[in-house]
Amino acid sequence: MQSVNALAQQYLEEDGIHFHFSMRDKEIKNVGDTVVVVTESGEEFVFDALLHATGRKLTQKDLA
C-alpha cells in the first residue's frame, strides 16, 4: 500500500509538477513574472510558481 505522500506526489507529477528534494538554495528571487532559485551548487531553476517547504523531525513520539 502506498502512502498518501507517495500518491499525492505521483498525481502531481502526472500533472507536470516537478519535485526537487534535499536541495540547498542560495538565493530565491522574483524576475518579472517568474521565480528564480539559485542553489548552493550554482544550478539555476526558473519557475512560474514555487512552493518552498522545510521538513521537521519528530521529537515527541506521542505526536505521531
Protein backbone atom coordinates (compact mmCIF):
# COMPACT_ATOMS: atom_id res chain seq x y z
CA MET A 1 0.00 0.00 0.00
CA GLN A 2 1.37 3.40 -1.00
CA SER A 3 1.48 6.24 1.49
CA VAL A 4 -0.65 9.32 0.98
CA ASN A 5 2.55 11.29 0.35
CA ALA A 6 3.63 8.97 -2.47
CA LEU A 7 0.20 9.01 -4.09
CA ALA A 8 -0.02 12.81 -3.91
CA GLN A 9 3.45 13.14 -5.44
CA GLN A 10 2.58 10.67 -8.19
CA TYR A 11 -0.61 12.53 -9.13
CA LEU A 12 1.13 15.90 -9.11
CA GLU A 13 3.98 14.59 -11.27
CA GLU A 14 1.42 13.27 -13.75
CA ASP A 15 0.15 16.86 -13.99
CA GLY A 16 3.65 18.17 -14.75
CA ILE A 17 4.76 19.20 -11.27
CA HIS A 18 8.46 18.54 -10.58
CA PHE A 19 9.90 17.79 -7.15
CA HIS A 20 13.47 18.55 -6.05
CA PHE A 21 14.30 17.13 -2.63
CA SER A 22 17.25 17.84 -0.34
CA MET A 23 18.47 20.83 -2.32
CA ARG A 24 20.04 23.79 -0.59
CA ASP A 25 19.10 27.15 -2.03
CA LYS A 26 21.45 30.08 -2.02
CA GLU A 27 19.06 32.66 -3.43
CA ILE A 28 15.39 32.94 -4.33
CA LYS A 29 14.33 35.99 -6.32
CA ASN A 30 11.48 37.31 -8.43
CA VAL A 31 12.41 38.14 -12.00
CA GLY A 32 9.46 39.59 -13.86
CA ASP A 33 6.64 37.06 -13.68
CA THR A 34 8.96 34.19 -12.71
CA VAL A 35 10.74 32.94 -9.62
CA VAL A 36 14.44 32.10 -9.93
CA VAL A 37 16.15 29.75 -7.49
CA VAL A 38 19.93 29.52 -7.36
CA THR A 39 21.29 26.52 -5.45
CA GLU A 40 24.49 26.35 -3.44
CA SER A 41 25.99 24.25 -6.25
CA GLY A 42 25.25 27.04 -8.76
CA GLU A 43 22.31 25.42 -10.55
CA GLU A 44 19.59 27.85 -11.57
CA PHE A 45 15.92 26.95 -11.83
CA VAL A 46 13.18 29.21 -13.24
CA PHE A 47 9.56 28.67 -12.18
CA ASP A 48 6.14 30.15 -12.78
CA ALA A 49 5.38 29.44 -9.12
CA LEU A 50 7.37 27.98 -6.23
CA LEU A 51 6.42 26.12 -3.08
CA HIS A 52 9.40 26.17 -0.76
CA ALA A 53 8.92 23.78 2.14
CA THR A 54 11.07 22.66 5.01
CA GLY A 55 10.75 19.42 6.87
CA ARG A 56 10.92 18.72 10.52
CA LYS A 57 11.96 15.77 12.60
CA LEU A 58 9.57 14.45 15.16
CA THR A 59 10.93 14.87 18.67
CA GLN A 60 7.90 13.70 20.62
CA LYS A 61 6.77 10.14 19.95
CA ASP A 62 3.32 10.96 21.39
CA LEU A 63 2.65 13.31 18.44
CA ALA A 64 2.93 10.62 15.77
